[in-house]
Amino acid sequence: MTHLTMIGTAALAVLVAYPANAQTAPNCAPREVVVERLATKYGESRQSMGLGANNAVVEVFASDETGTWTITVTSVNGITCLVAAGQAFEELAEALPAGDSDA
């Protein structure tokens, strides 16, 4: 799965899974708290980012050493929510299919 696909999936998941008031969601905190925890506990750093619905910032954090990854979404109020996490992260640089391809 490419980073772009993960970002689009994460943005959709946020729209479905999280309430309008993200401060009440259990996996949410101020962005600086979340980023610090991902760095210190899991060794993860930001690998990619994009802009989602309602100007939410979608970020993918990962660790090259452990292979763990986390997708977060930060709302305009600065609250960051965890959307998904897992293992076996790989950075890919896949070429787009040829223009005349059905893929």
PDB file of N, CA and C in Angstrom:
ATOM      1  N   MET A   1       0.845  -1.168   0.000  1.00  0.00           N
ATOM      2  CA  MET A   1       0.000   0.000   0.000  1.00  0.00           C
ATOM      3  C   MET A   1       0.893   1.235   0.000  1.00  0.00           C
ATOM      4  N   THR A   2       0.663   2.174  -0.892  1.00  0.00           N
ATOM      5  CA  THR A   2       1.486   3.370  -0.965  1.00  0.00           C
ATOM      6  C   THR A   2       1.077   4.364   0.111  1.00  0.00           C
ATOM      7  N   HIS A   3       1.957   5.319   0.366  1.00  0.00           N
ATOM      8  CA  HIS A   3       1.667   6.345   1.371  1.00  0.00           C
ATOM      9  C   HIS A   3       0.406   7.106   0.993  1.00  0.00           C
ATOM     10  N   LEU A   4       0.245   7.441  -0.285  1.00  0.00           N
ATOM     11  CA  LEU A   4      -0.916   8.186  -0.729  1.00  0.00           C
ATOM     12  C   LEU A   4      -2.188   7.405  -0.446  1.00  0.00           C
ATOM     13  N   THR A   5      -2.183   6.113  -0.695  1.00  0.00           N
ATOM     14  CA  THR A   5      -3.345   5.287  -0.413  1.00  0.00           C
ATOM     15  C   THR A   5      -3.627   5.261   1.076  1.00  0.00           C
ATOM     16  N   MET A   6      -2.569   5.139   1.886  1.00  0.00           N
ATOM     17  CA  MET A   6      -2.763   5.117   3.336  1.00  0.00           C
ATOM     18  C   MET A   6      -3.341   6.431   3.819  1.00  0.00           C
ATOM     19  N   ILE A   7      -2.882   7.553   3.272  1.00  0.00           N
ATOM     20  CA  ILE A   7      -3.391   8.852   3.695  1.00  0.00           C
ATOM     21  C   ILE A   7      -4.861   8.989   3.342  1.00  0.00           C
ATOM     22  N   GLY A   8      -5.248   8.588   2.132  1.00  0.00           N
ATOM     23  CA  GLY A   8      -6.652   8.649   1.749  1.00  0.00           C
ATOM     24  C   GLY A   8      -7.511   7.758   2.616  1.00  0.00           C
ATOM     25  N   THR A   9      -7.042   6.569   2.924  1.00  0.00           N
ATOM     26  CA  THR A   9      -7.767   5.647   3.784  1.00  0.00           C
ATOM     27  C   THR A   9      -7.890   6.215   5.184  1.00  0.00           C
ATOM     28  N   ALA A  10      -6.829   6.809   5.682  1.00  0.00           N
ATOM     29  CA  ALA A  10      -6.854   7.385   7.024  1.00  0.00           C
ATOM     30  C   ALA A  10      -7.847   8.535   7.105  1.00  0.00           C
ATOM     31  N   ALA A  11      -7.868   9.383   6.092  1.00  0.00           N
ATOM     32  CA  ALA A  11      -8.793  10.506   6.103  1.00  0.00           C
ATOM     33  C   ALA A  11     -10.235  10.011   6.123  1.00  0.00           C
ATOM     34  N   LEU A  12     -10.535   8.993   5.345  1.00  0.00           N
ATOM     35  CA  LEU A  12     -11.870   8.414   5.335  1.00  0.00           C
ATOM     36  C   LEU A  12     -12.211   7.812   6.691  1.00  0.00           C
ATOM     37  N   ALA A  13     -11.254   7.111   7.278  1.00  0.00           N
ATOM     38  CA  ALA A  13     -11.480   6.492   8.585  1.00  0.00           C
ATOM     39  C   ALA A  13     -11.789   7.540   9.640  1.00  0.00           C
ATOM     40  N   VAL A  14     -11.130   8.679   9.567  1.00  0.00           N
ATOM     41  CA  VAL A  14     -11.382   9.731  10.550  1.00  0.00           C
ATOM     42  C   VAL A  14     -12.789  10.263  10.415  1.00  0.00           C
ATOM     43  N   LEU A  15     -13.230  10.450   9.197  1.00  0.00           N
ATOM     44  CA  LEU A  15     -14.584  10.964   8.989  1.00  0.00           C
ATOM     45  C   LEU A  15     -15.634  10.009   9.539  1.00  0.00           C
ATOM     46  N   VAL A  16     -15.358   8.717   9.470  1.00  0.00           N
ATOM     47  CA  VAL A  16     -16.314   7.718   9.920  1.00  0.00           C
ATOM     48  C   VAL A  16     -16.186   7.425  11.411  1.00  0.00           C
ATOM     49  N   ALA A  17     -14.954   7.329  11.902  1.00  0.00           N
ATOM     50  CA  ALA A  17     -14.731   6.787  13.238  1.00  0.00           C
ATOM     51  C   ALA A  17     -14.719   7.803  14.364  1.00  0.00           C
ATOM     52  N   TYR A  18     -14.420   9.055  14.102  1.00  0.00           N
ATOM     53  CA  TYR A  18     -14.255   9.997  15.187  1.00  0.00           C
ATOM     54  C   TYR A  18     -15.387  11.002  15.249  1.00  0.00           C
ATOM     55  N   PRO A  19     -15.794  11.343  16.457  1.00  0.00           N
ATOM     56  CA  PRO A  19     -16.853  12.327  16.628  1.00  0.00           C
ATOM     57  C   PRO A  19     -16.380  13.716  16.214  1.00  0.00           C
ATOM     58  N   ALA A  20     -17.334  14.629  16.040  1.00  0.00           N
ATOM     59  CA  ALA A  20     -16.990  15.990  15.641  1.00  0.00           C
ATOM     60  C   ALA A  20     -16.089  16.653  16.676  1.00  0.00           C
ATOM     61  N   ASN A  21     -16.279  16.352  17.946  1.00  0.00           N
ATOM     62  CA  ASN A  21     -15.435  16.906  18.999  1.00  0.00           C
ATOM     63  C   ASN A  21     -14.359  15.891  19.333  1.00  0.00           C
ATOM     64  N   ALA A  22     -13.200  16.014  18.687  1.00  0.00           N
ATOM     65  CA  ALA A  22     -12.131  15.023  18.845  1.00  0.00           C
ATOM     66  C   ALA A  22     -11.574  14.988  20.261  1.00  0.00           C
ATOM     67  N   GLN A  23     -11.787  16.037  21.043  1.00  0.00           N
ATOM     68  CA  GLN A  23     -11.257  16.055  22.398  1.00  0.00           C
ATOM     69  C   GLN A  23     -11.880  14.970  23.261  1.00  0.00           C
ATOM     70  N   THR A  24     -13.034  14.454  22.890  1.00  0.00           N
ATOM     71  CA  THR A  24     -13.690  13.424  23.680  1.00  0.00           C
ATOM     72  C   THR A  24     -13.276  12.017  23.255  1.00  0.00           C
ATOM     73  N   ALA A  25     -12.588  11.895  22.116  1.00  0.00           N
ATOM     74  CA  ALA A  25     -12.160  10.580  21.632  1.00  0.00           C
ATOM     75  C   ALA A  25     -11.023  10.058  22.512  1.00  0.00           C
ATOM     76  N   PRO A  26     -11.023   8.762  22.840  1.00  0.00           N
ATOM     77  CA  PRO A  26     -10.037   8.215  23.772  1.00  0.00           C
ATOM     78  C   PRO A  26      -8.607   8.162  23.240  1.00  0.00           C
ATOM     79  N   ASN A  27      -8.394   8.145  21.948  1.00  0.00           N
ATOM     80  CA  ASN A  27      -7.051   8.055  21.373  1.00  0.00           C
ATOM     81  C   ASN A  27      -6.581   9.389  20.822  1.00  0.00           C
ATOM     82  N   CYS A  28      -6.941  10.469  21.499  1.00  0.00           N
ATOM     83  CA  CYS A  28      -6.589  11.802  21.035  1.00  0.00           C
ATOM     84  C   CYS A  28      -5.908  12.594  22.150  1.00  0.00           C
ATOM     85  N   ALA A  29      -5.017  13.503  21.738  1.00  0.00           N
ATOM     86  CA  ALA A  29      -4.310  14.378  22.676  1.00  0.00           C
ATOM     87  C   ALA A  29      -3.735  15.538  21.871  1.00  0.00           C
ATOM     88  N   PRO A  30      -3.212  16.568  22.539  1.00  0.00           N
ATOM     89  CA  PRO A  30      -2.530  17.634  21.800  1.00  0.00           C
ATOM     90  C   PRO A  30      -1.393  17.048  20.951  1.00  0.00           C
ATOM     91  N   ARG A  31      -1.171  17.600  19.765  1.00  0.00           N
ATOM     92  CA  ARG A  31      -0.218  17.032  18.810  1.00  0.00           C
ATOM     93  C   ARG A  31       1.163  16.831  19.408  1.00  0.00           C
ATOM     94  N   GLU A  32       1.665  17.818  20.144  1.00  0.00           N
ATOM     95  CA  GLU A  32       3.014  17.696  20.685  1.00  0.00           C
ATOM     96  C   GLU A  32       3.144  16.514  21.640  1.00  0.00           C
ATOM     97  N   VAL A  33       2.088  16.185  22.350  1.00  0.00           N
ATOM     98  CA  VAL A  33       2.095  15.033  23.267  1.00  0.00           C
ATOM     99  C   VAL A  33       2.156  13.736  22.469  1.00  0.00           C
ATOM    100  N   VAL A  34       1.354  13.644  21.409  1.00  0.00           N
ATOM    101  CA  VAL A  34       1.314  12.435  20.581  1.00  0.00           C
ATOM    102  C   VAL A  34       2.647  12.217  19.875  1.00  0.00           C
ATOM    103  N   VAL A  35       3.207  13.265  19.270  1.00  0.00           N
ATOM    104  CA  VAL A  35       4.464  13.144  18.543  1.00  0.00           C
ATOM    105  C   VAL A  35       5.594  12.730  19.488  1.00  0.00           C
ATOM    106  N   GLU A  36       5.637  13.315  20.674  1.00  0.00           N
ATOM    107  CA  GLU A  36       6.667  12.961  21.663  1.00  0.00           C
ATOM    108  C   GLU A  36       6.539  11.501  22.082  1.00  0.00           C
ATOM    109  N   ARG A  37       5.317  11.046  22.302  1.00  0.00           N
ATOM    110  CA  ARG A  37       5.096   9.649  22.716  1.00  0.00           C
ATOM    111  C   ARG A  37       5.497   8.670  21.608  1.00  0.00           C
ATOM    112  N   LEU A  38       5.149   8.984  20.367  1.00  0.00           N
ATOM    113  CA  LEU A  38       5.528   8.118  19.252  1.00  0.00           C
ATOM    114  C   LEU A  38       7.048   8.046  19.115  1.00  0.00           C
ATOM    115  N   ALA A  39       7.724   9.155  19.366  1.00  0.00           N
ATOM    116  CA  ALA A  39       9.187   9.181  19.255  1.00  0.00           C
ATOM    117  C   ALA A  39       9.849   8.429  20.404  1.00  0.00           C
ATOM    118  N   THR A  40       9.424   8.692  21.627  1.00  0.00           N
ATOM    119  CA  THR A  40      10.118   8.104  22.774  1.00  0.00           C
ATOM    120  C   THR A  40       9.745   6.652  23.019  1.00  0.00           C
ATOM    121  N   LYS A  41       8.488   6.307  22.854  1.00  0.00           N
ATOM    122  CA  LYS A  41       8.065   4.938  23.156  1.00  0.00           C
ATOM    123  C   LYS A  41       8.272   3.975  21.988  1.00  0.00           C
ATOM    124  N   TYR A  42       8.100   4.470  20.753  1.00  0.00           N
ATOM    125  CA  TYR A  42       8.150   3.585  19.588  1.00  0.00           C
ATOM    126  C   TYR A  42       9.280   3.914  18.611  1.00  0.00           C
ATOM    127  N   GLY A  43       9.996   5.001  18.822  1.00  0.00           N
ATOM    128  CA  GLY A  43      11.077   5.384  17.916  1.00  0.00           C
ATOM    129  C   GLY A  43      10.581   5.827  16.549  1.00  0.00           C
ATOM    130  N   GLU A  44       9.340   6.270  16.484  1.00  0.00           N
ATOM    131  CA  GLU A  44       8.749   6.649  15.201  1.00  0.00           C
ATOM    132  C   GLU A  44       8.958   8.130  14.906  1.00  0.00           C
ATOM    133  N   SER A  45       9.197   8.430  13.639  1.00  0.00           N
ATOM    134  CA  SER A  45       9.281   9.805  13.164  1.00  0.00           C
ATOM    135  C   SER A  45       8.374   9.954  11.945  1.00  0.00           C
ATOM    136  N   ARG A  46       8.041  11.192  11.616  1.00  0.00           N
ATOM    137  CA  ARG A  46       7.118  11.429  10.506  1.00  0.00           C
ATOM    138  C   ARG A  46       7.760  11.024   9.191  1.00  0.00           C
ATOM    139  N   GLN A  47       7.030  10.231   8.409  1.00  0.00           N
ATOM    140  CA  GLN A  47       7.490   9.744   7.107  1.00  0.00           C
ATOM    141  C   GLN A  47       6.791  10.446   5.951  1.00  0.00           C
ATOM    142  N   SER A  48       5.526  10.815   6.157  1.00  0.00           N
ATOM    143  CA  SER A  48       4.786  11.508   5.109  1.00  0.00           C
ATOM    144  C   SER A  48       3.607  12.240   5.736  1.00  0.00           C
ATOM    145  N   MET A  49       3.046  13.152   4.970  1.00  0.00           N
ATOM    146  CA  MET A  49       1.898  13.912   5.454  1.00  0.00           C
ATOM    147  C   MET A  49       1.081  14.418   4.282  1.00  0.00           C
ATOM    148  N   GLY A  50      -0.165  14.781   4.582  1.00  0.00           N
ATOM    149  CA  GLY A  50      -1.042  15.329   3.564  1.00  0.00           C
ATOM    150  C   GLY A  50      -2.202  16.044   4.221  1.00  0.00           C
ATOM    151  N   LEU A  51      -2.980  16.743   3.429  1.00  0.00           N
ATOM    152  CA  LEU A  51      -4.132  17.489   3.924  1.00  0.00           C
ATOM    153  C   LEU A  51      -5.392  16.698   3.622  1.00  0.00           C
ATOM    154  N   GLY A  52      -6.168  16.425   4.653  1.00  0.00           N
ATOM    155  CA  GLY A  52      -7.404  15.665   4.515  1.00  0.00           C
ATOM    156  C   GLY A  52      -8.624  16.565   4.544  1.00  0.00           C
ATOM    157  N   ALA A  53      -9.769  15.952   4.740  1.00  0.00           N
ATOM    158  CA  ALA A  53     -11.034  16.678   4.807  1.00  0.00           C
ATOM    159  C   ALA A  53     -11.027  17.673   5.955  1.00  0.00           C
ATOM    160  N   ASN A  54     -11.719  18.778   5.770  1.00  0.00           N
ATOM    161  CA  ASN A  54     -11.861  19.811   6.801  1.00  0.00           C
ATOM    162  C   ASN A  54     -10.509  20.357   7.274  1.00  0.00           C
ATOM    163  N   ASN A  55      -9.529  20.386   6.380  1.00  0.00           N
ATOM    164  CA  ASN A  55      -8.186  20.885   6.672  1.00  0.00           C
ATOM    165  C   ASN A  55      -7.461  20.105   7.760  1.00  0.00           C
ATOM    166  N   ALA A  56      -7.813  18.847   7.947  1.00  0.00           N
ATOM    167  CA  ALA A  56      -7.112  17.992   8.903  1.00  0.00           C
ATOM    168  C   ALA A  56      -5.791  17.541   8.296  1.00  0.00           C
ATOM    169  N   VAL A  57      -4.748  17.506   9.119  1.00  0.00           N
ATOM    170  CA  VAL A  57      -3.433  17.061   8.661  1.00  0.00           C
ATOM    171  C   VAL A  57      -3.301  15.573   8.968  1.00  0.00           C
ATOM    172  N   VAL A  58      -3.070  14.784   7.924  1.00  0.00           N
ATOM    173  CA  VAL A  58      -2.900  13.337   8.059  1.00  0.00           C
ATOM    174  C   VAL A  58      -1.407  13.039   7.956  1.00  0.00           C
ATOM    175  N   GLU A  59      -0.882  12.312   8.963  1.00  0.00           N
ATOM    176  CA  GLU A  59       0.550  12.029   8.983  1.00  0.00           C
ATOM    177  C   GLU A  59       0.787  10.539   9.199  1.00  0.00           C
ATOM    178  N   VAL A  60       1.850  10.043   8.584  1.00  0.00           N
ATOM    179  CA  VAL A  60       2.295   8.672   8.793  1.00  0.00           C
ATOM    180  C   VAL A  60       3.632   8.738   9.524  1.00  0.00           C
ATOM    181  N   PHE A  61       3.697   8.112  10.698  1.00  0.00           N
ATOM    182  CA  PHE A  61       4.919   8.008  11.480  1.00  0.00           C
ATOM    183  C   PHE A  61       5.379   6.565  11.414  1.00  0.00           C
ATOM    184  N   ALA A  62       6.693   6.343  11.398  1.00  0.00           N
ATOM    185  CA  ALA A  62       7.200   4.971  11.357  1.00  0.00           C
ATOM    186  C   ALA A  62       8.616   4.928  11.903  1.00  0.00           C
ATOM    187  N   SER A  63       9.032   3.719  12.281  1.00  0.00           N
ATOM    188  CA  SER A  63      10.385   3.476  12.752  1.00  0.00           C
ATOM    189  C   SER A  63      11.077   2.530  11.796  1.00  0.00           C
ATOM    190  N   ASP A  64      12.222   2.941  11.261  1.00  0.00           N
ATOM    191  CA  ASP A  64      13.017   2.074  10.397  1.00  0.00           C
ATOM    192  C   ASP A  64      13.605   0.906  11.185  1.00  0.00           C
ATOM    193  N   GLU A  65      13.858   1.126  12.462  1.00  0.00           N
ATOM    194  CA  GLU A  65      14.484   0.090  13.290  1.00  0.00           C
ATOM    195  C   GLU A  65      13.506  -1.005  13.699  1.00  0.00           C
ATOM    196  N   THR A  66      12.305  -0.617  14.136  1.00  0.00           N
ATOM    197  CA  THR A  66      11.358  -1.616  14.644  1.00  0.00           C
ATOM    198  C   THR A  66      10.307  -2.012  13.619  1.00  0.00           C
ATOM    199  N   GLY A  67      10.080  -1.171  12.600  1.00  0.00           N
ATOM    200  CA  GLY A  67       9.053  -1.455  11.606  1.00  0.00           C
ATOM    201  C   GLY A  67       7.659  -1.056  12.027  1.00  0.00           C
ATOM    202  N   THR A  68       7.496  -0.452  13.225  1.00  0.00           N
ATOM    203  CA  THR A  68       6.162  -0.021  13.642  1.00  0.00           C
ATOM    204  C   THR A  68       5.766   1.232  12.879  1.00  0.00           C
ATOM    205  N   TRP A  69       4.457   1.433  12.723  1.00  0.00           N
ATOM    206  CA  TRP A  69       3.948   2.621  12.042  1.00  0.00           C
ATOM    207  C   TRP A  69       2.649   3.066  12.695  1.00  0.00           C
ATOM    208  N   THR A  70       2.348   4.350  12.555  1.00  0.00           N
ATOM    209  CA  THR A  70       1.126   4.935  13.104  1.00  0.00           C
ATOM    210  C   THR A  70       0.618   5.992  12.137  1.00  0.00           C
ATOM    211  N   ILE A  71      -0.686   6.015  11.920  1.00  0.00           N
ATOM    212  CA  ILE A  71      -1.307   7.072  11.130  1.00  0.00           C
ATOM    213  C   ILE A  71      -2.093   7.954  12.097  1.00  0.00           C
ATOM    214  N   THR A  72      -1.859   9.269  12.008  1.00  0.00           N
ATOM    215  CA  THR A  72      -2.553  10.224  12.869  1.00  0.00           C
ATOM    216  C   THR A  72      -3.286  11.242  12.019  1.00  0.00           C
ATOM    217  N   VAL A  73      -4.286  11.872  12.630  1.00  0.00           N
ATOM    218  CA  VAL A  73      -4.983  12.986  12.001  1.00  0.00           C
ATOM    219  C   VAL A  73      -5.075  14.100  13.034  1.00  0.00           C
ATOM    220  N   THR A  74      -4.620  15.290  12.641  1.00  0.00           N
ATOM    221  CA  THR A  74      -4.670  16.455  13.526  1.00  0.00           C
ATOM    222  C   THR A  74      -5.703  17.425  12.991  1.00  0.00           C
ATOM    223  N   SER A  75      -6.664  17.765  13.828  1.00  0.00           N
ATOM    224  CA  SER A  75      -7.705  18.708  13.429  1.00  0.00           C
ATOM    225  C   SER A  75      -7.192  20.137  13.551  1.00  0.00           C
ATOM    226  N   VAL A  76      -7.950  21.089  13.059  1.00  0.00           N
ATOM    227  CA  VAL A  76      -7.533  22.483  13.076  1.00  0.00           C
ATOM    228  C   VAL A  76      -7.362  23.023  14.497  1.00  0.00           C
ATOM    229  N   ASN A  77      -7.944  22.358  15.485  1.00  0.00           N
ATOM    230  CA  ASN A  77      -7.794  22.809  16.873  1.00  0.00           C
ATOM    231  C   ASN A  77      -6.530  22.264  17.533  1.00  0.00           C
ATOM    232  N   GLY A  78      -5.692  21.521  16.788  1.00  0.00           N
ATOM    233  CA  GLY A  78      -4.426  21.029  17.318  1.00  0.00           C
ATOM    234  C   GLY A  78      -4.501  19.701  18.037  1.00  0.00           C
ATOM    235  N   ILE A  79      -5.674  19.086  18.046  1.00  0.00           N
ATOM    236  CA  ILE A  79      -5.825  17.777  18.676  1.00  0.00           C
ATOM    237  C   ILE A  79      -5.517  16.693  17.648  1.00  0.00           C
ATOM    238  N   THR A  80      -4.648  15.760  18.033  1.00  0.00           N
ATOM    239  CA  THR A  80      -4.238  14.670  17.155  1.00  0.00           C
ATOM    240  C   THR A  80      -4.865  13.371  17.620  1.00  0.00           C
ATOM    241  N   CYS A  81      -5.434  12.623  16.689  1.00  0.00           N
ATOM    242  CA  CYS A  81      -6.056  11.329  16.987  1.00  0.00           C
ATOM    243  C   CYS A  81      -5.308  10.219  16.248  1.00  0.00           C
ATOM    244  N   LEU A  82      -5.135   9.090  16.932  1.00  0.00           N
ATOM    245  CA  LEU A  82      -4.546   7.916  16.303  1.00  0.00           C
ATOM    246  C   LEU A  82      -5.625   7.234  15.474  1.00  0.00           C
ATOM    247  N   VAL A  83      -5.308   6.950  14.225  1.00  0.00           N
ATOM    248  CA  VAL A  83      -6.271   6.339  13.314  1.00  0.00           C
ATOM    249  C   VAL A  83      -5.985   4.860  13.118  1.00  0.00           C
ATOM    250  N   ALA A  84      -4.698   4.525  12.963  1.00  0.00           N
ATOM    251  CA  ALA A  84      -4.303   3.140  12.732  1.00  0.00           C
ATOM    252  C   ALA A  84      -2.847   2.982  13.129  1.00  0.00           C
ATOM    253  N   ALA A  85      -2.469   1.748  13.459  1.00  0.00           N
ATOM    254  CA  ALA A  85      -1.078   1.450  13.802  1.00  0.00           C
ATOM    255  C   ALA A  85      -0.800   0.003  13.450  1.00  0.00           C
ATOM    256  N   GLY A  86       0.465  -0.309  13.242  1.00  0.00           N
ATOM    257  CA  GLY A  86       0.803  -1.683  12.909  1.00  0.00           C
ATOM    258  C   GLY A  86       2.292  -1.905  12.863  1.00  0.00           C
ATOM    259  N   GLN A  87       2.679  -2.981  12.196  1.00  0.00           N
ATOM    260  CA  GLN A  87       4.073  -3.391  12.104  1.00  0.00           C
ATOM    261  C   GLN A  87       4.447  -3.649  10.652  1.00  0.00           C
ATOM    262  N   ALA A  88       5.729  -3.899  10.423  1.00  0.00           N
ATOM    263  CA  ALA A  88       6.277  -4.246   9.105  1.00  0.00           C
ATOM    264  C   ALA A  88       6.178  -3.094   8.109  1.00  0.00           C
ATOM    265  N   PHE A  89       6.469  -1.877   8.558  1.00  0.00           N
ATOM    266  CA  PHE A  89       6.460  -0.716   7.677  1.00  0.00           C
ATOM    267  C   PHE A  89       7.565  -0.829   6.640  1.00  0.00           C
ATOM    268  N   GLU A  90       7.243  -0.498   5.408  1.00  0.00           N
ATOM    269  CA  GLU A  90       8.211  -0.442   4.322  1.00  0.00           C
ATOM    270  C   GLU A  90       7.991   0.830   3.538  1.00  0.00           C
ATOM    271  N   GLU A  91       9.062   1.497   3.191  1.00  0.00           N
ATOM    272  CA  GLU A  91       8.965   2.670   2.341  1.00  0.00           C
ATOM    273  C   GLU A  91       9.053   2.211   0.894  1.00  0.00           C
ATOM    274  N   LEU A  92       8.094   2.614   0.081  1.00  0.00           N
ATOM    275  CA  LEU A  92       8.039   2.195  -1.318  1.00  0.00           C
ATOM    276  C   LEU A  92       8.099   3.410  -2.231  1.00  0.00           C
ATOM    277  N   ALA A  93       8.663   3.233  -3.377  1.00  0.00           N
ATOM    278  CA  ALA A  93       8.680   4.257  -4.413  1.00  0.00           C
ATOM    279  C   ALA A  93       8.263   3.585  -5.713  1.00  0.00           C
ATOM    280  N   GLU A  94       6.990   3.284  -5.812  1.00  0.00           N
ATOM    281  CA  GLU A  94       6.470   2.582  -6.977  1.00  0.00           C
ATOM    282  C   GLU A  94       6.114   3.574  -8.090  1.00  0.00           C
ATOM    283  N   ALA A  95       6.407   3.183  -9.303  1.00  0.00           N
ATOM    284  CA  ALA A  95       6.065   3.997 -10.463  1.00  0.00           C
ATOM    285  C   ALA A  95       4.585   3.834 -10.776  1.00  0.00           C
ATOM    286  N   LEU A  96       4.007   4.879 -11.343  1.00  0.00           N
ATOM    287  CA  LEU A  96       2.615   4.811 -11.787  1.00  0.00           C
ATOM    288  C   LEU A  96       2.527   3.886 -12.990  1.00  0.00           C
ATOM    289  N   PRO A  97       1.371   3.216 -13.166  1.00  0.00           N
ATOM    290  CA  PRO A  97       1.218   2.381 -14.362  1.00  0.00           C
ATOM    291  C   PRO A  97       1.215   3.255 -15.614  1.00  0.00           C
ATOM    292  N   ALA A  98       1.540   2.634 -16.743  1.00  0.00           N
ATOM    293  CA  ALA A  98       1.535   3.366 -18.011  1.00  0.00           C
ATOM    294  C   ALA A  98       0.162   3.956 -18.268  1.00  0.00           C
ATOM    295  N   GLY A  99       0.129   5.082 -18.950  1.00  0.00           N
ATOM    296  CA  GLY A  99      -1.117   5.809 -19.214  1.00  0.00           C
ATOM    297  C   GLY A  99      -2.180   5.006 -19.925  1.00  0.00           C
ATOM    298  N   ASP A 100      -1.802   4.034 -20.748  1.00  0.00           N
ATOM    299  CA  ASP A 100      -2.776   3.250 -21.488  1.00  0.00           C
ATOM    300  C   ASP A 100      -3.128   1.941 -20.779  1.00  0.00           C
ATOM    301  N   SER A 101      -2.686   1.798 -19.552  1.00  0.00           N
ATOM    302  CA  SER A 101      -2.936   0.567 -18.781  1.00  0.00           C
ATOM    303  C   SER A 101      -4.296   0.635 -18.098  1.00  0.00           C
ATOM    304  N   ASP A 102      -4.933  -0.522 -17.907  1.00  0.00           N
ATOM    305  CA  ASP A 102      -6.208  -0.579 -17.216  1.00  0.00           C
ATOM    306  C   ASP A 102      -6.038  -0.513 -15.695  1.00  0.00           C
ATOM    307  N   ALA A 103      -4.836  -0.683 -15.199  1.00  0.00           N
ATOM    308  CA  ALA A 103      -4.581  -0.720 -13.760  1.00  0.00           C
ATOM    309  C   ALA A 103      -4.723   0.625 -13.116  1.00  0.00           C
TER     310      ALA A 103
END
